[in-house]
Amino acid sequence: MDRLALLLVIIGALNWGLIGLFRFDLVASLFGGQEALLSRIIYSLVGLAGIYCISLLFRERDRDTTRE
């Protein structure tokens, strides 16, 4: 789940980078515009993934106890 959420956040970040630098919304252009149902689903999944990734900030990292 962590990797899927991270992948969606990366997709969102790349899309925002394209919007900021080139005024080009890749998600909208691939899936029929910002108002298209599929685009809105992708935007929603990216947003939910971002919210989920907040939990990664507060999670304890598993430490390898075999190394000393």
PDB file of N, CA and C in Angstrom:
ATOM      1  N   MET A   1       0.826  -1.192   0.000  1.00  0.00           N
ATOM      2  CA  MET A   1       0.000   0.000   0.000  1.00  0.00           C
ATOM      3  C   MET A   1       0.872   1.259   0.000  1.00  0.00           C
ATOM      4  N   ASP A   2       1.980   1.208   0.761  1.00  0.00           N
ATOM      5  CA  ASP A   2       2.864   2.371   0.827  1.00  0.00           C
ATOM      6  C   ASP A   2       3.428   2.714  -0.549  1.00  0.00           C
ATOM      7  N   ARG A   3       3.849   1.694  -1.281  1.00  0.00           N
ATOM      8  CA  ARG A   3       4.437   1.937  -2.602  1.00  0.00           C
ATOM      9  C   ARG A   3       3.402   2.487  -3.590  1.00  0.00           C
ATOM     10  N   LEU A   4       2.195   1.964  -3.538  1.00  0.00           N
ATOM     11  CA  LEU A   4       1.139   2.463  -4.422  1.00  0.00           C
ATOM     12  C   LEU A   4       0.836   3.927  -4.112  1.00  0.00           C
ATOM     13  N   ALA A   5       0.728   4.242  -2.836  1.00  0.00           N
ATOM     14  CA  ALA A   5       0.469   5.625  -2.434  1.00  0.00           C
ATOM     15  C   ALA A   5       1.617   6.534  -2.874  1.00  0.00           C
ATOM     16  N   LEU A   6       2.837   6.074  -2.687  1.00  0.00           N
ATOM     17  CA  LEU A   6       3.992   6.871  -3.097  1.00  0.00           C
ATOM     18  C   LEU A   6       4.020   7.069  -4.603  1.00  0.00           C
ATOM     19  N   LEU A   7       3.690   6.033  -5.359  1.00  0.00           N
ATOM     20  CA  LEU A   7       3.635   6.149  -6.822  1.00  0.00           C
ATOM     21  C   LEU A   7       2.604   7.193  -7.248  1.00  0.00           C
ATOM     22  N   LEU A   8       1.435   7.170  -6.632  1.00  0.00           N
ATOM     23  CA  LEU A   8       0.400   8.148  -6.975  1.00  0.00           C
ATOM     24  C   LEU A   8       0.821   9.564  -6.598  1.00  0.00           C
ATOM     25  N   VAL A   9       1.490   9.711  -5.477  1.00  0.00           N
ATOM     26  CA  VAL A   9       1.980  11.034  -5.066  1.00  0.00           C
ATOM     27  C   VAL A   9       3.031  11.533  -6.053  1.00  0.00           C
ATOM     28  N   ILE A  10       3.896  10.651  -6.521  1.00  0.00           N
ATOM     29  CA  ILE A  10       4.901  11.042  -7.511  1.00  0.00           C
ATOM     30  C   ILE A  10       4.235  11.467  -8.810  1.00  0.00           C
ATOM     31  N   ILE A  11       3.221  10.732  -9.245  1.00  0.00           N
ATOM     32  CA  ILE A  11       2.480  11.113 -10.455  1.00  0.00           C
ATOM     33  C   ILE A  11       1.872  12.498 -10.275  1.00  0.00           C
ATOM     34  N   GLY A  12       1.286  12.737  -9.112  1.00  0.00           N
ATOM     35  CA  GLY A  12       0.702  14.047  -8.840  1.00  0.00           C
ATOM     36  C   GLY A  12       1.745  15.148  -8.834  1.00  0.00           C
ATOM     37  N   ALA A  13       2.897  14.873  -8.246  1.00  0.00           N
ATOM     38  CA  ALA A  13       3.967  15.874  -8.194  1.00  0.00           C
ATOM     39  C   ALA A  13       4.487  16.189  -9.593  1.00  0.00           C
ATOM     40  N   LEU A  14       4.660  15.162 -10.407  1.00  0.00           N
ATOM     41  CA  LEU A  14       5.104  15.397 -11.784  1.00  0.00           C
ATOM     42  C   LEU A  14       4.072  16.204 -12.564  1.00  0.00           C
ATOM     43  N   ASN A  15       2.807  15.889 -12.358  1.00  0.00           N
ATOM     44  CA  ASN A  15       1.748  16.631 -13.047  1.00  0.00           C
ATOM     45  C   ASN A  15       1.753  18.098 -12.615  1.00  0.00           C
ATOM     46  N   TRP A  16       1.896  18.349 -11.303  1.00  0.00           N
ATOM     47  CA  TRP A  16       1.953  19.734 -10.817  1.00  0.00           C
ATOM     48  C   TRP A  16       3.186  20.452 -11.345  1.00  0.00           C
ATOM     49  N   GLY A  17       4.297  19.728 -11.459  1.00  0.00           N
ATOM     50  CA  GLY A  17       5.491  20.328 -12.040  1.00  0.00           C
ATOM     51  C   GLY A  17       5.266  20.754 -13.480  1.00  0.00           C
ATOM     52  N   LEU A  18       4.593  19.903 -14.242  1.00  0.00           N
ATOM     53  CA  LEU A  18       4.279  20.253 -15.631  1.00  0.00           C
ATOM     54  C   LEU A  18       3.333  21.447 -15.703  1.00  0.00           C
ATOM     55  N   ILE A  19       2.374  21.492 -14.806  1.00  0.00           N
ATOM     56  CA  ILE A  19       1.445  22.623 -14.781  1.00  0.00           C
ATOM     57  C   ILE A  19       2.189  23.908 -14.443  1.00  0.00           C
ATOM     58  N   GLY A  20       3.053  23.843 -13.432  1.00  0.00           N
ATOM     59  CA  GLY A  20       3.782  25.033 -13.003  1.00  0.00           C
ATOM     60  C   GLY A  20       4.775  25.534 -14.034  1.00  0.00           C
ATOM     61  N   LEU A  21       5.468  24.627 -14.678  1.00  0.00           N
ATOM     62  CA  LEU A  21       6.511  25.032 -15.620  1.00  0.00           C
ATOM     63  C   LEU A  21       5.993  25.324 -17.022  1.00  0.00           C
ATOM     64  N   PHE A  22       5.035  24.515 -17.474  1.00  0.00           N
ATOM     65  CA  PHE A  22       4.626  24.597 -18.878  1.00  0.00           C
ATOM     66  C   PHE A  22       3.135  24.833 -19.094  1.00  0.00           C
ATOM     67  N   ARG A  23       2.391  24.995 -17.986  1.00  0.00           N
ATOM     68  CA  ARG A  23       0.931  25.136 -18.070  1.00  0.00           C
ATOM     69  C   ARG A  23       0.303  23.978 -18.852  1.00  0.00           C
ATOM     70  N   PHE A  24       0.806  22.790 -18.580  1.00  0.00           N
ATOM     71  CA  PHE A  24       0.338  21.583 -19.270  1.00  0.00           C
ATOM     72  C   PHE A  24      -0.104  20.562 -18.228  1.00  0.00           C
ATOM     73  N   ASP A  25      -1.378  20.208 -18.262  1.00  0.00           N
ATOM     74  CA  ASP A  25      -1.949  19.233 -17.342  1.00  0.00           C
ATOM     75  C   ASP A  25      -1.979  17.877 -18.053  1.00  0.00           C
ATOM     76  N   LEU A  26      -1.015  17.027 -17.736  1.00  0.00           N
ATOM     77  CA  LEU A  26      -0.884  15.736 -18.409  1.00  0.00           C
ATOM     78  C   LEU A  26      -2.084  14.838 -18.140  1.00  0.00           C
ATOM     79  N   VAL A  27      -2.536  14.795 -16.906  1.00  0.00           N
ATOM     80  CA  VAL A  27      -3.684  13.949 -16.559  1.00  0.00           C
ATOM     81  C   VAL A  27      -4.904  14.371 -17.364  1.00  0.00           C
ATOM     82  N   ALA A  28      -5.175  15.657 -17.421  1.00  0.00           N
ATOM     83  CA  ALA A  28      -6.330  16.149 -18.164  1.00  0.00           C
ATOM     84  C   ALA A  28      -6.195  15.851 -19.651  1.00  0.00           C
ATOM     85  N   SER A  29      -4.995  16.005 -20.191  1.00  0.00           N
ATOM     86  CA  SER A  29      -4.831  15.772 -21.625  1.00  0.00           C
ATOM     87  C   SER A  29      -4.945  14.283 -21.971  1.00  0.00           C
ATOM     88  N   LEU A  30      -4.540  13.411 -21.058  1.00  0.00           N
ATOM     89  CA  LEU A  30      -4.638  11.977 -21.335  1.00  0.00           C
ATOM     90  C   LEU A  30      -6.045  11.424 -21.152  1.00  0.00           C
ATOM     91  N   PHE A  31      -6.798  12.002 -20.240  1.00  0.00           N
ATOM     92  CA  PHE A  31      -8.079  11.404 -19.880  1.00  0.00           C
ATOM     93  C   PHE A  31      -9.294  12.282 -20.166  1.00  0.00           C
ATOM     94  N   GLY A  32      -9.167  13.248 -21.065  1.00  0.00           N
ATOM     95  CA  GLY A  32     -10.344  13.959 -21.551  1.00  0.00           C
ATOM     96  C   GLY A  32     -10.686  15.254 -20.861  1.00  0.00           C
ATOM     97  N   GLY A  33      -9.743  15.933 -20.278  1.00  0.00           N
ATOM     98  CA  GLY A  33      -9.999  17.224 -19.639  1.00  0.00           C
ATOM     99  C   GLY A  33     -10.186  17.090 -18.146  1.00  0.00           C
ATOM    100  N   GLN A  34     -10.124  18.239 -17.467  1.00  0.00           N
ATOM    101  CA  GLN A  34     -10.217  18.240 -16.011  1.00  0.00           C
ATOM    102  C   GLN A  34     -11.580  17.809 -15.505  1.00  0.00           C
ATOM    103  N   GLU A  35     -12.610  18.018 -16.272  1.00  0.00           N
ATOM    104  CA  GLU A  35     -13.958  17.672 -15.830  1.00  0.00           C
ATOM    105  C   GLU A  35     -14.359  16.246 -16.170  1.00  0.00           C
ATOM    106  N   ALA A  36     -13.540  15.534 -16.919  1.00  0.00           N
ATOM    107  CA  ALA A  36     -13.853  14.155 -17.285  1.00  0.00           C
ATOM    108  C   ALA A  36     -13.841  13.266 -16.048  1.00  0.00           C
ATOM    109  N   LEU A  37     -14.708  12.290 -16.024  1.00  0.00           N
ATOM    110  CA  LEU A  37     -14.842  11.414 -14.865  1.00  0.00           C
ATOM    111  C   LEU A  37     -13.532  10.706 -14.537  1.00  0.00           C
ATOM    112  N   LEU A  38     -12.853  10.178 -15.539  1.00  0.00           N
ATOM    113  CA  LEU A  38     -11.603   9.456 -15.286  1.00  0.00           C
ATOM    114  C   LEU A  38     -10.531  10.388 -14.719  1.00  0.00           C
ATOM    115  N   SER A  39     -10.451  11.603 -15.216  1.00  0.00           N
ATOM    116  CA  SER A  39      -9.495  12.575 -14.664  1.00  0.00           C
ATOM    117  C   SER A  39      -9.813  12.875 -13.216  1.00  0.00           C
ATOM    118  N   ARG A  40     -11.067  13.060 -12.914  1.00  0.00           N
ATOM    119  CA  ARG A  40     -11.464  13.367 -11.540  1.00  0.00           C
ATOM    120  C   ARG A  40     -11.175  12.209 -10.607  1.00  0.00           C
ATOM    121  N   ILE A  41     -11.318  10.970 -11.108  1.00  0.00           N
ATOM    122  CA  ILE A  41     -10.984   9.796 -10.301  1.00  0.00           C
ATOM    123  C   ILE A  41      -9.488   9.779 -10.007  1.00  0.00           C
ATOM    124  N   ILE A  42      -8.667  10.052 -11.020  1.00  0.00           N
ATOM    125  CA  ILE A  42      -7.219  10.063 -10.826  1.00  0.00           C
ATOM    126  C   ILE A  42      -6.815  11.171  -9.865  1.00  0.00           C
ATOM    127  N   TYR A  43      -7.381  12.372 -10.034  1.00  0.00           N
ATOM    128  CA  TYR A  43      -7.083  13.468  -9.112  1.00  0.00           C
ATOM    129  C   TYR A  43      -7.462  13.072  -7.681  1.00  0.00           C
ATOM    130  N   SER A  44      -8.602  12.416  -7.518  1.00  0.00           N
ATOM    131  CA  SER A  44      -9.050  11.997  -6.186  1.00  0.00           C
ATOM    132  C   SER A  44      -8.123  10.951  -5.593  1.00  0.00           C
ATOM    133  N   LEU A  45      -7.695   9.977  -6.404  1.00  0.00           N
ATOM    134  CA  LEU A  45      -6.768   8.956  -5.916  1.00  0.00           C
ATOM    135  C   LEU A  45      -5.432   9.560  -5.511  1.00  0.00           C
ATOM    136  N   VAL A  46      -4.954  10.526  -6.296  1.00  0.00           N
ATOM    137  CA  VAL A  46      -3.694  11.194  -5.953  1.00  0.00           C
ATOM    138  C   VAL A  46      -3.853  11.959  -4.638  1.00  0.00           C
ATOM    139  N   GLY A  47      -4.970  12.631  -4.458  1.00  0.00           N
ATOM    140  CA  GLY A  47      -5.222  13.356  -3.211  1.00  0.00           C
ATOM    141  C   GLY A  47      -5.310  12.428  -2.021  1.00  0.00           C
ATOM    142  N   LEU A  48      -6.007  11.310  -2.171  1.00  0.00           N
ATOM    143  CA  LEU A  48      -6.099  10.339  -1.079  1.00  0.00           C
ATOM    144  C   LEU A  48      -4.738   9.732  -0.766  1.00  0.00           C
ATOM    145  N   ALA A  49      -3.947   9.491  -1.808  1.00  0.00           N
ATOM    146  CA  ALA A  49      -2.603   8.958  -1.596  1.00  0.00           C
ATOM    147  C   ALA A  49      -1.747   9.963  -0.827  1.00  0.00           C
ATOM    148  N   GLY A  50      -1.914  11.242  -1.130  1.00  0.00           N
ATOM    149  CA  GLY A  50      -1.180  12.270  -0.395  1.00  0.00           C
ATOM    150  C   GLY A  50      -1.557  12.289   1.067  1.00  0.00           C
ATOM    151  N   ILE A  51      -2.835  12.159   1.345  1.00  0.00           N
ATOM    152  CA  ILE A  51      -3.288  12.112   2.731  1.00  0.00           C
ATOM    153  C   ILE A  51      -2.731  10.873   3.430  1.00  0.00           C
ATOM    154  N   TYR A  52      -2.749   9.742   2.734  1.00  0.00           N
ATOM    155  CA  TYR A  52      -2.198   8.510   3.303  1.00  0.00           C
ATOM    156  C   TYR A  52      -0.703   8.661   3.587  1.00  0.00           C
ATOM    157  N   CYS A  53       0.019   9.319   2.695  1.00  0.00           N
ATOM    158  CA  CYS A  53       1.466   9.470   2.857  1.00  0.00           C
ATOM    159  C   CYS A  53       1.836  10.346   4.049  1.00  0.00           C
ATOM    160  N   ILE A  54       0.909  11.137   4.536  1.00  0.00           N
ATOM    161  CA  ILE A  54       1.165  11.908   5.755  1.00  0.00           C
ATOM    162  C   ILE A  54       1.509  10.954   6.899  1.00  0.00           C
ATOM    163  N   SER A  55       0.856   9.791   6.907  1.00  0.00           N
ATOM    164  CA  SER A  55       1.122   8.821   7.974  1.00  0.00           C
ATOM    165  C   SER A  55       2.558   8.309   7.928  1.00  0.00           C
ATOM    166  N   LEU A  56       3.190   8.345   6.761  1.00  0.00           N
ATOM    167  CA  LEU A  56       4.575   7.893   6.645  1.00  0.00           C
ATOM    168  C   LEU A  56       5.523   8.794   7.434  1.00  0.00           C
ATOM    169  N   LEU A  57       5.146  10.037   7.600  1.00  0.00           N
ATOM    170  CA  LEU A  57       5.985  10.960   8.357  1.00  0.00           C
ATOM    171  C   LEU A  57       6.066  10.593   9.838  1.00  0.00           C
ATOM    172  N   PHE A  58       5.014   9.993  10.351  1.00  0.00           N
ATOM    173  CA  PHE A  58       4.922   9.731  11.780  1.00  0.00           C
ATOM    174  C   PHE A  58       5.136   8.270  12.145  1.00  0.00           C
ATOM    175  N   ARG A  59       5.433   7.455  11.167  1.00  0.00           N
ATOM    176  CA  ARG A  59       5.651   6.035  11.406  1.00  0.00           C
ATOM    177  C   ARG A  59       7.083   5.766  11.825  1.00  0.00           C
ATOM    178  N   GLU A  60       7.248   4.851  12.752  1.00  0.00           N
ATOM    179  CA  GLU A  60       8.590   4.421  13.133  1.00  0.00           C
ATOM    180  C   GLU A  60       9.149   3.559  12.020  1.00  0.00           C
ATOM    181  N   ARG A  61      10.381   3.791  11.690  1.00  0.00           N
ATOM    182  CA  ARG A  61      11.034   2.960  10.680  1.00  0.00           C
ATOM    183  C   ARG A  61      11.437   1.646  11.319  1.00  0.00           C
ATOM    184  N   ASP A  62      11.219   0.575  10.591  1.00  0.00           N
ATOM    185  CA  ASP A  62      11.668  -0.734  11.069  1.00  0.00           C
ATOM    186  C   ASP A  62      13.184  -0.774  10.982  1.00  0.00           C
ATOM    187  N   ARG A  63      13.793  -1.104  12.081  1.00  0.00           N
ATOM    188  CA  ARG A  63      15.238  -1.202  12.102  1.00  0.00           C
ATOM    189  C   ARG A  63      15.644  -2.663  12.021  1.00  0.00           C
ATOM    190  N   ASP A  64      16.676  -2.903  11.289  1.00  0.00           N
ATOM    191  CA  ASP A  64      17.202  -4.252  11.160  1.00  0.00           C
ATOM    192  C   ASP A  64      17.946  -4.608  12.442  1.00  0.00           C
ATOM    193  N   THR A  65      17.377  -5.498  13.230  1.00  0.00           N
ATOM    194  CA  THR A  65      17.974  -5.832  14.524  1.00  0.00           C
ATOM    195  C   THR A  65      19.098  -6.845  14.400  1.00  0.00           C
ATOM    196  N   THR A  66      19.294  -7.407  13.200  1.00  0.00           N
ATOM    197  CA  THR A  66      20.371  -8.377  13.039  1.00  0.00           C
ATOM    198  C   THR A  66      21.720  -7.689  12.903  1.00  0.00           C
ATOM    199  N   ARG A  67      21.735  -6.430  12.484  1.00  0.00           N
ATOM    200  CA  ARG A  67      22.990  -5.681  12.373  1.00  0.00           C
ATOM    201  C   ARG A  67      23.327  -5.021  13.701  1.00  0.00           C
ATOM    202  N   GLU A  68      24.561  -5.006  14.036  1.00  0.00           N
ATOM    203  CA  GLU A  68      24.967  -4.335  15.272  1.00  0.00           C
ATOM    204  C   GLU A  68      26.227  -3.577  15.099  1.00  0.00           C
TER     205      GLU A  68
END
